[in-house]
N, C-alpha and C. Protein backbone atom coordinates (compact mmCIF):
# COMPACT_ATOMS: atom_id res chain seq x y z
N MET A 1 17.66 50.96 -12.75
CA MET A 1 17.63 49.65 -12.95
C MET A 1 17.36 49.36 -14.38
N GLY A 2 18.01 48.14 -14.90
CA GLY A 2 17.82 47.85 -16.44
C GLY A 2 16.40 47.48 -16.67
N LYS A 3 16.19 47.43 -18.13
CA LYS A 3 14.86 47.13 -18.67
C LYS A 3 14.84 45.56 -18.99
N THR A 4 15.81 44.83 -18.78
CA THR A 4 15.79 43.35 -18.90
C THR A 4 16.67 42.79 -17.90
N LYS A 5 16.37 41.48 -17.63
CA LYS A 5 17.18 40.74 -16.68
C LYS A 5 17.08 39.29 -17.17
N PHE A 6 18.12 38.53 -16.55
CA PHE A 6 18.19 37.10 -16.77
C PHE A 6 18.04 36.42 -15.57
N ILE A 7 17.21 35.31 -15.52
CA ILE A 7 17.13 34.47 -14.38
C ILE A 7 17.48 33.07 -14.75
N MET A 8 18.25 32.43 -13.94
CA MET A 8 18.61 31.04 -14.19
C MET A 8 17.39 30.10 -13.97
N SER A 9 17.34 29.07 -14.85
CA SER A 9 16.39 27.93 -14.58
C SER A 9 16.83 26.99 -13.50
N GLY A 10 16.05 26.41 -12.74
CA GLY A 10 16.48 25.30 -11.87
C GLY A 10 16.67 24.00 -12.68
N GLY A 11 16.28 24.02 -13.89
CA GLY A 11 16.28 22.84 -14.68
C GLY A 11 14.81 22.23 -14.71
N LEU A 12 14.34 22.20 -15.92
CA LEU A 12 12.92 21.88 -16.18
C LEU A 12 12.62 20.39 -15.66
N ALA A 13 13.59 19.57 -15.60
CA ALA A 13 13.38 18.19 -15.29
C ALA A 13 13.31 18.03 -13.71
N PHE A 14 13.89 19.10 -13.10
CA PHE A 14 13.85 19.03 -11.66
C PHE A 14 12.95 20.16 -10.94
N ASP A 15 12.98 21.32 -11.56
CA ASP A 15 12.16 22.38 -10.77
C ASP A 15 11.19 23.13 -11.75
N GLU A 16 10.56 22.40 -12.52
CA GLU A 16 9.57 23.09 -13.55
C GLU A 16 8.64 24.02 -12.72
N GLU A 17 7.98 23.43 -11.73
CA GLU A 17 6.97 24.13 -10.90
C GLU A 17 7.68 25.30 -10.27
N LYS A 18 8.80 25.30 -9.70
CA LYS A 18 9.43 26.44 -9.08
C LYS A 18 9.84 27.46 -10.06
N ASP A 19 10.19 27.09 -11.27
CA ASP A 19 10.50 28.04 -12.31
C ASP A 19 9.20 28.86 -12.62
N MET A 20 8.15 28.11 -12.73
CA MET A 20 6.93 28.69 -13.22
C MET A 20 6.31 29.61 -12.06
N GLU A 21 6.57 29.19 -10.75
CA GLU A 21 6.20 30.09 -9.69
C GLU A 21 7.06 31.31 -9.63
N ARG A 22 8.26 31.09 -9.88
CA ARG A 22 9.19 32.22 -9.86
C ARG A 22 8.90 33.34 -10.94
N LEU A 23 8.58 32.79 -12.19
CA LEU A 23 8.16 33.72 -13.26
C LEU A 23 6.88 34.42 -12.85
N ALA A 24 5.91 33.74 -12.14
CA ALA A 24 4.67 34.41 -11.75
C ALA A 24 4.96 35.48 -10.69
N LYS A 25 5.98 35.09 -9.84
CA LYS A 25 6.28 36.14 -8.75
C LYS A 25 6.86 37.37 -9.40
N LEU A 26 7.71 37.16 -10.32
CA LEU A 26 8.50 38.24 -10.89
C LEU A 26 7.47 39.07 -11.77
N ALA A 27 6.42 38.47 -12.38
CA ALA A 27 5.40 39.19 -13.17
C ALA A 27 4.69 40.10 -12.15
N ARG A 28 4.42 39.67 -10.95
CA ARG A 28 3.75 40.47 -9.89
C ARG A 28 4.63 41.81 -9.51
N LYS A 29 5.99 41.55 -9.73
CA LYS A 29 6.87 42.69 -9.54
C LYS A 29 7.18 43.53 -10.68
N GLY A 30 6.55 43.23 -11.85
CA GLY A 30 6.68 43.92 -12.97
C GLY A 30 7.84 43.36 -14.04
N TRP A 31 8.08 42.16 -14.01
CA TRP A 31 8.95 41.52 -14.83
C TRP A 31 8.17 40.48 -15.75
N LYS A 32 8.22 40.75 -17.04
CA LYS A 32 7.44 39.67 -17.80
C LYS A 32 8.35 38.94 -18.68
N PHE A 33 7.95 37.62 -18.87
CA PHE A 33 8.86 36.69 -19.67
C PHE A 33 9.02 37.25 -21.08
N ASP A 34 10.24 37.34 -21.52
CA ASP A 34 10.53 37.88 -22.94
C ASP A 34 10.93 36.65 -23.84
N ARG A 35 11.92 35.81 -23.39
CA ARG A 35 12.27 34.71 -24.21
C ARG A 35 13.11 33.69 -23.50
N PHE A 36 13.27 32.54 -23.98
CA PHE A 36 14.17 31.58 -23.35
C PHE A 36 15.65 32.06 -23.63
N ALA A 37 16.44 31.71 -22.69
CA ALA A 37 17.83 32.07 -22.87
C ALA A 37 18.61 30.69 -22.36
N PHE A 38 19.89 30.67 -22.66
CA PHE A 38 20.67 29.58 -22.33
C PHE A 38 20.61 29.33 -20.85
N MET A 39 20.15 28.18 -20.45
CA MET A 39 19.93 27.80 -19.03
C MET A 39 19.11 28.83 -18.18
N GLY A 40 18.16 29.36 -18.93
CA GLY A 40 17.26 30.28 -18.16
C GLY A 40 16.27 31.12 -19.00
N TYR A 41 15.87 32.23 -18.50
CA TYR A 41 14.94 33.02 -19.01
C TYR A 41 15.32 34.51 -19.20
N ARG A 42 15.02 35.11 -20.19
CA ARG A 42 15.21 36.55 -20.37
C ARG A 42 13.92 37.36 -19.96
N LEU A 43 13.89 38.22 -19.09
CA LEU A 43 12.73 38.97 -18.73
C LEU A 43 12.82 40.47 -19.07
N LYS A 44 11.69 41.17 -19.23
CA LYS A 44 11.70 42.51 -19.44
C LYS A 44 10.71 43.30 -18.60
N LYS A 45 11.07 44.51 -18.40
CA LYS A 45 10.21 45.33 -17.37
C LYS A 45 8.93 45.55 -18.15
N ALA A 46 7.87 45.37 -17.28
CA ALA A 46 6.51 45.53 -17.73
C ALA A 46 5.59 46.01 -16.65
N GLU A 47 4.35 45.93 -16.87
CA GLU A 47 3.36 46.28 -15.87
C GLU A 47 3.26 45.10 -14.88
N HIS A 48 2.92 45.39 -13.65
CA HIS A 48 2.67 44.37 -12.75
C HIS A 48 1.48 43.50 -13.15
N ARG A 49 1.63 42.19 -13.02
CA ARG A 49 0.49 41.37 -13.55
C ARG A 49 0.33 40.20 -12.49
N GLU A 50 -0.87 39.65 -12.30
CA GLU A 50 -1.19 38.51 -11.60
C GLU A 50 -1.39 37.41 -12.56
N VAL A 51 -0.37 36.66 -12.90
CA VAL A 51 -0.54 35.64 -13.88
C VAL A 51 0.05 34.37 -13.31
N GLN A 52 -0.10 33.30 -14.13
CA GLN A 52 0.49 32.02 -13.89
C GLN A 52 1.06 31.49 -15.22
N TYR A 53 2.09 30.70 -15.10
CA TYR A 53 2.85 30.27 -16.19
C TYR A 53 2.82 28.70 -16.21
N SER A 54 2.89 28.03 -17.41
CA SER A 54 2.91 26.65 -17.54
C SER A 54 3.64 26.25 -18.76
N LEU A 55 4.35 25.09 -18.77
CA LEU A 55 5.08 24.56 -19.90
C LEU A 55 4.31 23.44 -20.57
N ASP A 56 4.57 23.33 -21.88
CA ASP A 56 4.14 22.09 -22.50
C ASP A 56 5.34 21.77 -23.48
N TYR A 57 5.41 20.47 -23.83
CA TYR A 57 6.45 19.98 -24.75
C TYR A 57 5.68 19.38 -26.03
N CYS A 58 6.07 19.85 -27.15
CA CYS A 58 5.48 19.39 -28.38
C CYS A 58 6.36 19.70 -29.52
N THR A 59 6.67 18.60 -30.32
CA THR A 59 7.52 18.71 -31.49
C THR A 59 6.85 19.24 -32.73
N GLU A 60 5.59 19.05 -32.77
CA GLU A 60 4.90 19.35 -34.03
C GLU A 60 3.85 20.44 -33.66
N ALA A 61 4.22 21.53 -33.16
CA ALA A 61 3.16 22.57 -32.65
C ALA A 61 2.78 23.29 -33.88
N ASP A 62 1.51 23.30 -34.13
CA ASP A 62 0.92 24.06 -35.24
C ASP A 62 -0.11 25.01 -34.77
N SER A 63 -0.84 25.60 -35.70
CA SER A 63 -1.83 26.68 -35.29
C SER A 63 -2.94 26.06 -34.41
N ASP A 64 -3.29 24.74 -34.71
CA ASP A 64 -4.38 24.10 -34.01
C ASP A 64 -3.94 23.85 -32.49
N TYR A 65 -2.66 23.48 -32.39
CA TYR A 65 -2.06 23.26 -31.11
C TYR A 65 -2.10 24.52 -30.22
N PHE A 66 -1.77 25.69 -30.65
CA PHE A 66 -1.73 26.88 -29.99
C PHE A 66 -3.29 27.35 -29.81
N SER A 67 -4.05 27.13 -30.69
CA SER A 67 -5.54 27.50 -30.58
C SER A 67 -6.19 26.82 -29.45
N TYR A 68 -5.86 25.50 -29.26
CA TYR A 68 -6.32 24.73 -28.08
C TYR A 68 -5.98 25.42 -26.77
N PHE A 69 -4.77 25.85 -26.59
CA PHE A 69 -4.38 26.50 -25.36
C PHE A 69 -5.12 27.85 -25.27
N GLU A 70 -5.14 28.63 -26.30
CA GLU A 70 -5.84 29.83 -26.17
C GLU A 70 -7.22 29.78 -25.88
N GLU A 71 -7.93 28.74 -26.44
CA GLU A 71 -9.39 28.62 -26.07
C GLU A 71 -9.49 28.21 -24.61
N ALA A 72 -8.54 27.66 -24.01
CA ALA A 72 -8.60 27.34 -22.53
C ALA A 72 -8.10 28.48 -21.68
N GLY A 73 -7.76 29.62 -22.24
CA GLY A 73 -7.36 30.83 -21.51
C GLY A 73 -5.81 30.93 -21.42
N TRP A 74 -5.03 30.16 -22.12
CA TRP A 74 -3.59 30.19 -22.09
C TRP A 74 -3.10 30.95 -23.26
N ASP A 75 -2.17 31.95 -23.14
CA ASP A 75 -1.70 32.62 -24.19
C ASP A 75 -0.22 32.16 -24.27
N HIS A 76 0.24 31.84 -25.59
CA HIS A 76 1.58 31.45 -25.74
C HIS A 76 2.46 32.60 -25.77
N VAL A 77 3.56 32.49 -24.92
CA VAL A 77 4.47 33.59 -24.68
C VAL A 77 5.90 33.35 -25.21
N GLY A 78 6.10 32.07 -25.48
CA GLY A 78 7.47 31.84 -26.04
C GLY A 78 7.76 30.26 -26.25
N SER A 79 8.71 30.05 -27.07
CA SER A 79 9.03 28.67 -27.41
C SER A 79 10.55 28.50 -27.44
N SER A 80 11.09 27.40 -27.10
CA SER A 80 12.42 27.07 -27.23
C SER A 80 12.70 25.97 -28.08
N GLY A 81 13.28 26.13 -29.33
CA GLY A 81 13.59 25.16 -30.22
C GLY A 81 12.31 24.50 -30.80
N ASN A 82 11.32 25.22 -30.88
CA ASN A 82 10.06 24.70 -31.37
C ASN A 82 9.62 23.33 -30.72
N TYR A 83 9.96 23.29 -29.42
CA TYR A 83 9.63 22.08 -28.76
C TYR A 83 9.18 22.38 -27.21
N ILE A 84 9.80 23.20 -26.55
CA ILE A 84 9.38 23.67 -25.26
C ILE A 84 8.53 24.98 -25.45
N HIS A 85 7.21 24.91 -25.04
CA HIS A 85 6.44 26.04 -25.24
C HIS A 85 5.89 26.54 -23.90
N LEU A 86 6.01 27.86 -23.58
CA LEU A 86 5.57 28.45 -22.46
C LEU A 86 4.33 29.30 -22.67
N PHE A 87 3.35 29.09 -21.74
CA PHE A 87 2.12 29.68 -21.76
C PHE A 87 1.80 30.48 -20.50
N CYS A 88 1.04 31.52 -20.67
CA CYS A 88 0.71 32.34 -19.52
C CYS A 88 -0.81 32.58 -19.40
N ALA A 89 -1.33 32.65 -18.33
CA ALA A 89 -2.79 32.79 -18.12
C ALA A 89 -3.10 33.59 -16.87
N SER A 90 -4.29 34.11 -16.89
CA SER A 90 -4.70 34.95 -15.61
C SER A 90 -4.69 33.97 -14.39
N LYS A 91 -4.52 34.43 -13.31
CA LYS A 91 -4.67 33.77 -12.04
C LYS A 91 -5.94 33.08 -11.94
N GLY A 92 -6.11 31.79 -11.61
CA GLY A 92 -7.39 31.07 -11.50
C GLY A 92 -7.70 30.29 -12.69
N THR A 93 -7.13 30.58 -13.86
CA THR A 93 -7.39 29.67 -14.99
C THR A 93 -7.03 28.21 -14.81
N ALA A 94 -7.87 27.37 -15.24
CA ALA A 94 -7.66 25.86 -15.05
C ALA A 94 -6.28 25.58 -15.52
N PRO A 95 -5.58 24.62 -14.92
CA PRO A 95 -4.24 24.31 -15.20
C PRO A 95 -4.37 23.50 -16.60
N ILE A 96 -3.14 23.58 -17.34
CA ILE A 96 -3.07 22.90 -18.60
C ILE A 96 -3.11 21.39 -18.40
N TYR A 97 -2.46 20.88 -17.33
CA TYR A 97 -2.52 19.46 -16.94
C TYR A 97 -3.25 19.38 -15.66
N SER A 98 -4.42 18.89 -15.58
CA SER A 98 -5.22 18.90 -14.41
C SER A 98 -5.43 17.52 -13.82
N ASP A 99 -5.06 16.46 -14.58
CA ASP A 99 -5.27 15.13 -14.05
C ASP A 99 -3.89 14.45 -14.01
N ARG A 100 -3.81 13.40 -13.24
CA ARG A 100 -2.53 12.72 -12.92
C ARG A 100 -1.99 12.08 -14.17
N GLU A 101 -3.04 11.30 -14.93
CA GLU A 101 -2.63 10.43 -16.16
C GLU A 101 -1.96 11.33 -17.12
N THR A 102 -2.52 12.56 -17.49
CA THR A 102 -1.94 13.32 -18.54
C THR A 102 -0.63 13.94 -18.08
N THR A 103 -0.56 14.24 -16.85
CA THR A 103 0.82 14.77 -16.25
C THR A 103 1.82 13.67 -16.40
N ILE A 104 1.56 12.41 -15.99
CA ILE A 104 2.48 11.32 -16.14
C ILE A 104 2.96 11.22 -17.50
N GLU A 105 1.83 11.32 -18.51
CA GLU A 105 2.25 11.04 -19.96
C GLU A 105 3.12 12.17 -20.42
N LYS A 106 2.92 13.36 -20.04
CA LYS A 106 3.77 14.50 -20.36
C LYS A 106 5.29 14.21 -19.95
N TYR A 107 5.44 13.84 -18.70
CA TYR A 107 6.78 13.65 -18.22
C TYR A 107 7.32 12.25 -18.74
N ASP A 108 6.45 11.34 -18.88
CA ASP A 108 6.97 10.09 -19.45
C ASP A 108 7.49 10.27 -20.95
N ASN A 109 6.82 11.06 -21.67
CA ASN A 109 7.42 11.39 -23.05
C ASN A 109 8.73 12.08 -22.97
N GLU A 110 8.93 13.00 -21.98
CA GLU A 110 10.17 13.66 -21.85
C GLU A 110 11.34 12.76 -21.43
N LYS A 111 10.90 11.80 -20.43
CA LYS A 111 11.80 10.77 -20.08
C LYS A 111 12.31 9.93 -21.17
N LYS A 112 11.38 9.51 -22.11
CA LYS A 112 11.83 8.63 -23.16
C LYS A 112 12.75 9.35 -24.21
N MET A 113 12.49 10.59 -24.34
CA MET A 113 13.24 11.32 -25.33
C MET A 113 14.70 11.56 -24.63
N MET A 114 14.70 11.85 -23.42
CA MET A 114 16.08 12.13 -22.76
C MET A 114 16.77 10.83 -22.64
N LYS A 115 16.12 9.60 -22.50
CA LYS A 115 16.72 8.35 -22.31
C LYS A 115 17.55 8.10 -23.75
N LYS A 116 16.80 8.36 -24.80
CA LYS A 116 17.35 8.11 -26.16
C LYS A 116 18.72 9.00 -26.24
N TRP A 117 18.70 10.31 -25.90
CA TRP A 117 19.81 11.10 -26.06
C TRP A 117 20.92 10.78 -25.07
N THR A 118 20.53 10.34 -23.83
CA THR A 118 21.42 9.90 -22.78
C THR A 118 22.26 8.55 -23.31
N LEU A 119 21.51 7.65 -23.91
CA LEU A 119 22.20 6.52 -24.48
C LEU A 119 23.14 6.73 -25.57
N ILE A 120 22.76 7.69 -26.35
CA ILE A 120 23.70 8.12 -27.47
C ILE A 120 24.91 8.77 -26.94
N MET A 121 24.73 9.71 -25.97
CA MET A 121 25.82 10.29 -25.40
C MET A 121 26.74 9.35 -24.53
N LEU A 122 26.11 8.38 -23.86
CA LEU A 122 26.83 7.32 -23.24
C LEU A 122 27.69 6.58 -24.16
N LEU A 123 27.24 6.27 -25.31
CA LEU A 123 27.94 5.43 -26.44
C LEU A 123 29.04 6.36 -26.97
N VAL A 124 28.81 7.59 -27.22
CA VAL A 124 29.86 8.43 -27.60
C VAL A 124 31.02 8.61 -26.59
N THR A 125 30.56 8.85 -25.22
CA THR A 125 31.51 8.81 -24.23
C THR A 125 32.41 7.66 -24.07
N PHE A 126 31.82 6.56 -24.15
CA PHE A 126 32.48 5.27 -23.90
C PHE A 126 33.44 5.12 -25.22
N SER A 127 33.04 5.44 -26.33
CA SER A 127 33.84 5.32 -27.60
C SER A 127 35.04 6.22 -27.31
N PHE A 128 35.01 7.40 -26.96
CA PHE A 128 36.13 8.33 -26.76
C PHE A 128 37.03 7.71 -25.65
N MET A 129 36.49 7.10 -24.56
CA MET A 129 37.29 6.37 -23.55
C MET A 129 38.08 5.27 -24.09
N ILE A 130 37.39 4.54 -24.96
CA ILE A 130 38.07 3.40 -25.55
C ILE A 130 39.15 3.86 -26.52
N PHE A 131 38.83 4.80 -27.33
CA PHE A 131 39.78 5.46 -28.29
C PHE A 131 41.12 5.99 -27.53
N LEU A 132 40.77 6.63 -26.44
CA LEU A 132 41.96 7.18 -25.61
C LEU A 132 42.74 6.09 -25.01
N PHE A 133 42.10 5.06 -24.43
CA PHE A 133 42.83 3.97 -23.74
C PHE A 133 43.62 3.25 -24.84
N THR A 134 42.97 2.96 -25.92
CA THR A 134 43.64 2.17 -27.09
C THR A 134 44.86 2.89 -27.67
N PHE A 135 44.56 4.16 -27.96
CA PHE A 135 45.71 5.02 -28.50
C PHE A 135 46.90 5.05 -27.63
N ASN A 136 46.62 5.19 -26.23
CA ASN A 136 47.71 5.23 -25.36
C ASN A 136 48.37 3.95 -25.17
N SER A 137 47.77 2.76 -25.58
CA SER A 137 48.44 1.53 -25.40
C SER A 137 49.43 1.21 -26.63
N PHE A 138 49.38 1.88 -27.72
CA PHE A 138 50.29 1.68 -28.87
C PHE A 138 51.37 2.65 -28.87
N PRO A 139 52.58 2.11 -29.16
CA PRO A 139 53.75 3.13 -29.29
C PRO A 139 53.66 3.84 -30.60
N VAL A 140 53.61 5.19 -30.38
CA VAL A 140 53.49 6.22 -31.46
C VAL A 140 54.49 7.19 -31.21
N PHE A 141 54.83 7.95 -32.35
CA PHE A 141 55.72 9.07 -32.19
C PHE A 141 55.25 9.99 -31.01
N SER A 142 56.14 10.54 -30.29
CA SER A 142 55.68 11.32 -29.13
C SER A 142 54.91 12.56 -29.53
N ASN A 143 55.29 13.19 -30.62
CA ASN A 143 54.54 14.52 -31.10
C ASN A 143 53.13 14.08 -31.52
N VAL A 144 52.92 13.05 -32.21
CA VAL A 144 51.69 12.64 -32.61
C VAL A 144 50.82 12.20 -31.47
N LYS A 145 51.47 11.54 -30.50
CA LYS A 145 50.68 10.88 -29.36
C LYS A 145 50.22 12.10 -28.52
N ALA A 146 51.05 13.06 -28.32
CA ALA A 146 50.65 14.25 -27.49
C ALA A 146 49.50 14.97 -28.12
N VAL A 147 49.52 15.27 -29.41
CA VAL A 147 48.42 15.90 -30.12
C VAL A 147 47.15 15.01 -29.99
N MET A 148 47.21 13.83 -30.39
CA MET A 148 46.03 12.90 -30.42
C MET A 148 45.50 12.71 -28.92
N ASN A 149 46.39 12.66 -28.02
CA ASN A 149 45.96 12.52 -26.66
C ASN A 149 45.19 13.72 -26.19
N SER A 150 45.70 14.91 -26.62
CA SER A 150 44.92 16.26 -26.31
C SER A 150 43.67 16.24 -26.97
N VAL A 151 43.53 15.85 -28.26
CA VAL A 151 42.37 15.90 -29.02
C VAL A 151 41.32 14.96 -28.47
N LEU A 152 41.80 13.78 -28.16
CA LEU A 152 40.72 12.75 -27.63
C LEU A 152 40.33 13.11 -26.23
N THR A 153 41.25 13.67 -25.40
CA THR A 153 40.81 14.11 -24.07
C THR A 153 39.84 15.25 -24.08
N ILE A 154 39.94 16.17 -25.02
CA ILE A 154 39.14 17.26 -25.12
C ILE A 154 37.68 16.75 -25.67
N MET A 155 37.71 15.83 -26.63
CA MET A 155 36.53 15.20 -27.08
C MET A 155 35.74 14.45 -26.01
N LEU A 156 36.52 13.75 -25.22
CA LEU A 156 35.99 12.98 -24.12
C LEU A 156 35.36 13.96 -23.04
N GLY A 157 36.01 15.05 -22.81
CA GLY A 157 35.41 16.13 -21.95
C GLY A 157 34.15 16.62 -22.53
N LEU A 158 34.06 16.98 -23.69
CA LEU A 158 32.82 17.50 -24.42
C LEU A 158 31.68 16.46 -24.26
N SER A 159 32.06 15.24 -24.53
CA SER A 159 31.13 14.14 -24.56
C SER A 159 30.53 13.96 -23.10
N LEU A 160 31.34 14.15 -22.11
CA LEU A 160 30.88 14.03 -20.71
C LEU A 160 30.04 15.18 -20.39
N ILE A 161 30.20 16.36 -20.88
CA ILE A 161 29.38 17.49 -20.71
C ILE A 161 27.92 17.26 -21.37
N GLY A 162 28.09 16.64 -22.60
CA GLY A 162 26.78 16.27 -23.22
C GLY A 162 25.97 15.21 -22.46
N LEU A 163 26.81 14.24 -21.78
CA LEU A 163 26.23 13.13 -20.98
C LEU A 163 25.52 13.71 -19.86
N ILE A 164 26.17 14.67 -19.19
CA ILE A 164 25.62 15.34 -18.02
C ILE A 164 24.26 16.10 -18.43
N PHE A 165 24.28 16.84 -19.50
CA PHE A 165 23.14 17.63 -19.95
C PHE A 165 21.99 16.74 -20.43
N THR A 166 22.27 15.50 -20.71
CA THR A 166 21.14 14.53 -21.12
C THR A 166 20.86 13.54 -19.99
N GLY A 167 21.83 13.08 -19.22
CA GLY A 167 21.64 12.09 -18.26
C GLY A 167 20.96 12.70 -17.03
N LEU A 168 21.24 13.83 -16.56
CA LEU A 168 20.66 14.44 -15.33
C LEU A 168 19.12 14.65 -15.61
N PRO A 169 18.75 15.28 -16.78
CA PRO A 169 17.28 15.44 -16.99
C PRO A 169 16.59 14.05 -17.10
N TYR A 170 17.27 13.13 -17.71
CA TYR A 170 16.59 11.76 -17.80
C TYR A 170 16.29 11.29 -16.38
N LEU A 171 17.37 11.41 -15.47
CA LEU A 171 17.14 10.99 -14.11
C LEU A 171 16.05 11.79 -13.42
N GLY A 172 16.02 13.03 -13.72
CA GLY A 172 14.95 13.95 -13.10
C GLY A 172 13.51 13.52 -13.53
N TYR A 173 13.45 13.34 -14.84
CA TYR A 173 12.04 12.82 -15.42
C TYR A 173 11.75 11.37 -14.92
N LEU A 174 12.77 10.61 -14.80
CA LEU A 174 12.49 9.27 -14.27
C LEU A 174 11.99 9.26 -12.84
N TYR A 175 12.66 10.13 -12.05
CA TYR A 175 12.16 10.25 -10.65
C TYR A 175 10.77 10.85 -10.59
N ARG A 176 10.58 11.89 -11.36
CA ARG A 176 9.16 12.57 -11.33
C ARG A 176 8.12 11.55 -11.77
N VAL A 177 8.27 10.81 -12.83
CA VAL A 177 7.29 9.86 -13.28
C VAL A 177 7.04 8.78 -12.21
N ASN A 178 8.14 8.28 -11.74
CA ASN A 178 7.92 7.25 -10.61
C ASN A 178 7.27 7.86 -9.45
N LYS A 179 7.53 9.05 -9.09
CA LYS A 179 6.84 9.61 -7.89
C LYS A 179 5.41 9.89 -8.16
N LEU A 180 5.10 10.30 -9.34
CA LEU A 180 3.70 10.48 -9.68
C LEU A 180 2.97 9.25 -9.69
N ARG A 181 3.59 8.18 -10.20
CA ARG A 181 2.89 6.86 -10.25
C ARG A 181 2.68 6.27 -8.91
N ARG A 182 3.60 6.55 -7.89
CA ARG A 182 3.41 5.97 -6.54
C ARG A 182 2.54 6.85 -5.82
N HIS A 183 2.68 8.09 -5.78
CA HIS A 183 1.91 9.00 -4.86
C HIS A 183 0.83 9.91 -5.50
N GLY A 184 0.80 9.90 -6.79
CA GLY A 184 -0.28 10.84 -7.40
C GLY A 184 0.21 12.17 -7.41
């Protein structure tokens, strides 16, 4: 068996808790978090450990930020883009977010950020749709039209991918915040 493995993330906006439980379960089987990977996590073979994992989001993480978690018993094990920070602690350590209000604040901040990026991608996508429609409405040399049509179609496809990768997390965080506000 290999010394490293990759596991897919369920999407932090949708399955953050399940991802953290899965990482803890794999740690009990001797797989420790190594680093974030595209759409998932890279793990490496290690000793079996009884741990729990938790995420936090912070754009201005400095030594004080990490010291705060360390004092509470949480070790920083990795970051993605100096924004998503993964922490690990012994089983039984108090959770990073223990009350409803701070949990809502955490996800509400994520929702606001994803909303901004979703609106940008929506604007870009609609722009390419308009360009494509407008370009196809004018008579142009067939060679130029074919090339431009292909370029605009590819750009539209890429912008749709960007819209999906921002829009779905936005909807996930929106749902999560509304659910927490309604039910606690």
